[in-house]
């Protein structure tokens, strides 16, 4: 069964089927940082990075 990507190119949560939303914040140097955090029956996060594509790829590769 193929898994469909959402508009942010994210795969759905393997536990609940919902799509996470990327978070964007500013770090101490006012640079944009990104993370993907998702909470359903469990809490998952990619950690923070300055590159949005990096956190999207990390989410999609999770095991």
N, C-alpha and C. Protein backbone atom coordinates (compact mmCIF):
# COMPACT_ATOMS: atom_id res chain seq x y z
N UNK A 1 0.84 -1.18 0.00
CA UNK A 1 0.00 0.00 0.00
C UNK A 1 0.89 1.24 0.00
N UNK A 2 0.70 2.11 -0.95
CA UNK A 2 1.49 3.32 -1.07
C UNK A 2 1.08 4.33 -0.01
N UNK A 3 2.07 5.00 0.55
CA UNK A 3 1.78 6.05 1.53
C UNK A 3 1.85 7.39 0.81
N UNK A 4 0.85 8.22 0.99
CA UNK A 4 0.80 9.51 0.30
C UNK A 4 1.44 10.60 1.14
N UNK A 5 2.12 11.51 0.46
CA UNK A 5 2.74 12.66 1.10
C UNK A 5 1.74 13.80 1.17
N UNK A 6 1.86 14.64 2.21
CA UNK A 6 1.02 15.83 2.28
C UNK A 6 1.72 16.98 1.56
N UNK A 7 1.18 18.20 1.69
CA UNK A 7 1.73 19.35 0.95
C UNK A 7 3.15 19.71 1.38
N UNK A 8 3.57 19.31 2.57
CA UNK A 8 4.94 19.55 3.02
C UNK A 8 5.86 18.37 2.69
N UNK A 9 5.38 17.42 1.89
CA UNK A 9 6.13 16.21 1.53
C UNK A 9 6.39 15.31 2.73
N UNK A 10 5.48 15.33 3.71
CA UNK A 10 5.61 14.50 4.90
C UNK A 10 4.73 13.27 4.80
N UNK A 11 5.27 12.16 5.28
CA UNK A 11 4.48 10.95 5.39
C UNK A 11 3.61 11.03 6.65
N UNK A 12 2.50 10.31 6.69
CA UNK A 12 1.66 10.33 7.89
C UNK A 12 2.32 9.57 9.04
N UNK A 13 1.83 9.81 10.24
CA UNK A 13 2.28 9.09 11.42
C UNK A 13 1.96 7.61 11.25
N UNK A 14 2.92 6.72 11.52
CA UNK A 14 2.66 5.29 11.34
C UNK A 14 1.71 4.72 12.40
N UNK A 15 1.43 5.47 13.45
CA UNK A 15 0.59 4.98 14.53
C UNK A 15 -0.86 5.46 14.41
N UNK A 16 -1.06 6.74 14.07
CA UNK A 16 -2.43 7.27 14.03
C UNK A 16 -2.89 7.63 12.62
N UNK A 17 -1.95 7.75 11.67
CA UNK A 17 -2.31 8.09 10.30
C UNK A 17 -2.46 9.57 10.03
N UNK A 18 -2.32 10.41 11.05
CA UNK A 18 -2.42 11.86 10.87
C UNK A 18 -1.09 12.41 10.34
N UNK A 19 -1.18 13.54 9.64
CA UNK A 19 0.03 14.20 9.14
C UNK A 19 0.51 15.22 10.17
N UNK A 20 1.81 15.25 10.46
CA UNK A 20 2.35 16.24 11.38
C UNK A 20 2.49 17.59 10.69
N UNK A 21 2.68 18.61 11.50
CA UNK A 21 2.89 19.96 10.99
C UNK A 21 4.29 20.42 11.38
N UNK A 22 5.10 20.86 10.42
CA UNK A 22 6.43 21.37 10.78
C UNK A 22 6.31 22.61 11.66
N UNK A 23 7.18 22.71 12.65
CA UNK A 23 7.24 23.89 13.51
C UNK A 23 8.38 24.77 13.02
N UNK A 24 8.17 26.07 13.13
CA UNK A 24 9.22 27.03 12.76
C UNK A 24 9.36 28.02 13.90
N UNK A 25 10.57 28.21 14.37
CA UNK A 25 10.85 29.17 15.44
C UNK A 25 12.15 29.89 15.12
N UNK A 26 12.48 30.87 15.94
CA UNK A 26 13.74 31.58 15.81
C UNK A 26 14.67 31.13 16.92
N UNK A 27 15.95 30.91 16.57
CA UNK A 27 16.92 30.55 17.61
C UNK A 27 17.45 31.82 18.27
N UNK A 28 18.46 31.68 19.11
CA UNK A 28 19.01 32.83 19.84
C UNK A 28 19.61 33.89 18.94
N UNK A 29 19.96 33.51 17.71
CA UNK A 29 20.54 34.45 16.74
C UNK A 29 19.52 34.95 15.74
N UNK A 30 18.24 34.72 16.03
CA UNK A 30 17.13 35.10 15.14
C UNK A 30 17.19 34.40 13.79
N UNK A 31 17.79 33.23 13.75
CA UNK A 31 17.78 32.40 12.55
C UNK A 31 16.62 31.43 12.65
N UNK A 32 15.99 31.14 11.52
CA UNK A 32 14.88 30.19 11.52
C UNK A 32 15.39 28.78 11.79
N UNK A 33 14.67 28.07 12.65
CA UNK A 33 14.96 26.66 12.89
C UNK A 33 13.65 25.89 12.77
N UNK A 34 13.75 24.63 12.41
CA UNK A 34 12.58 23.81 12.14
C UNK A 34 12.65 22.50 12.90
N UNK A 35 11.49 21.98 13.21
CA UNK A 35 11.37 20.65 13.81
C UNK A 35 10.01 20.11 13.43
N UNK A 36 9.89 18.81 13.51
CA UNK A 36 8.59 18.18 13.35
C UNK A 36 8.31 17.44 14.65
N UNK A 37 7.26 17.86 15.32
CA UNK A 37 6.83 17.21 16.55
C UNK A 37 5.41 16.73 16.33
N UNK A 38 5.13 15.55 16.78
CA UNK A 38 3.80 14.98 16.59
C UNK A 38 3.44 14.18 17.82
N UNK A 39 2.23 14.36 18.29
CA UNK A 39 1.79 13.64 19.48
C UNK A 39 0.44 13.00 19.21
N UNK A 40 0.40 11.71 19.33
CA UNK A 40 -0.87 10.97 19.27
C UNK A 40 -0.83 10.03 20.48
N UNK A 41 -0.77 8.74 20.26
CA UNK A 41 -0.57 7.82 21.38
C UNK A 41 0.86 7.86 21.89
N UNK A 42 1.75 8.34 21.04
CA UNK A 42 3.15 8.51 21.43
C UNK A 42 3.60 9.89 20.98
N UNK A 43 4.75 10.33 21.47
CA UNK A 43 5.32 11.62 21.09
C UNK A 43 6.56 11.35 20.25
N UNK A 44 6.62 11.96 19.07
CA UNK A 44 7.79 11.81 18.21
C UNK A 44 8.29 13.19 17.80
N UNK A 45 9.59 13.34 17.68
CA UNK A 45 10.18 14.59 17.20
C UNK A 45 11.42 14.28 16.38
N UNK A 46 11.73 15.18 15.47
CA UNK A 46 12.94 15.03 14.66
C UNK A 46 14.12 15.74 15.28
N UNK A 47 13.89 16.60 16.25
CA UNK A 47 14.92 17.50 16.72
C UNK A 47 14.93 18.73 15.82
N UNK A 48 15.70 19.73 16.19
CA UNK A 48 15.71 21.01 15.48
C UNK A 48 16.86 21.07 14.49
N UNK A 49 16.64 21.80 13.38
CA UNK A 49 17.68 22.01 12.38
C UNK A 49 17.38 23.32 11.66
N UNK A 50 18.40 23.93 11.08
CA UNK A 50 18.21 25.18 10.33
C UNK A 50 17.64 24.93 8.94
N UNK A 51 17.63 23.70 8.51
CA UNK A 51 17.15 23.37 7.17
C UNK A 51 15.84 22.57 7.28
N UNK A 52 14.77 23.14 6.76
CA UNK A 52 13.46 22.48 6.83
C UNK A 52 13.48 21.13 6.12
N UNK A 53 14.16 21.05 4.99
CA UNK A 53 14.23 19.80 4.24
C UNK A 53 14.87 18.68 5.08
N UNK A 54 15.86 19.03 5.90
CA UNK A 54 16.53 18.05 6.75
C UNK A 54 15.56 17.42 7.73
N UNK A 55 14.70 18.22 8.36
CA UNK A 55 13.76 17.65 9.33
C UNK A 55 12.65 16.86 8.63
N UNK A 56 12.26 17.30 7.44
CA UNK A 56 11.26 16.53 6.67
C UNK A 56 11.84 15.17 6.30
N UNK A 57 13.08 15.16 5.82
CA UNK A 57 13.72 13.89 5.47
C UNK A 57 13.88 12.99 6.69
N UNK A 58 14.23 13.59 7.84
CA UNK A 58 14.37 12.80 9.07
C UNK A 58 13.03 12.18 9.47
N UNK A 59 11.95 12.94 9.37
CA UNK A 59 10.63 12.39 9.69
C UNK A 59 10.28 11.24 8.76
N UNK A 60 10.51 11.42 7.49
CA UNK A 60 10.13 10.39 6.52
C UNK A 60 11.00 9.14 6.60
N UNK A 61 12.19 9.24 7.19
CA UNK A 61 13.08 8.08 7.34
C UNK A 61 12.94 7.38 8.69
N UNK A 62 12.15 7.91 9.58
CA UNK A 62 12.08 7.36 10.95
C UNK A 62 11.75 5.87 10.91
N UNK A 63 12.26 5.16 11.89
CA UNK A 63 11.99 3.71 11.95
C UNK A 63 11.51 3.35 13.33
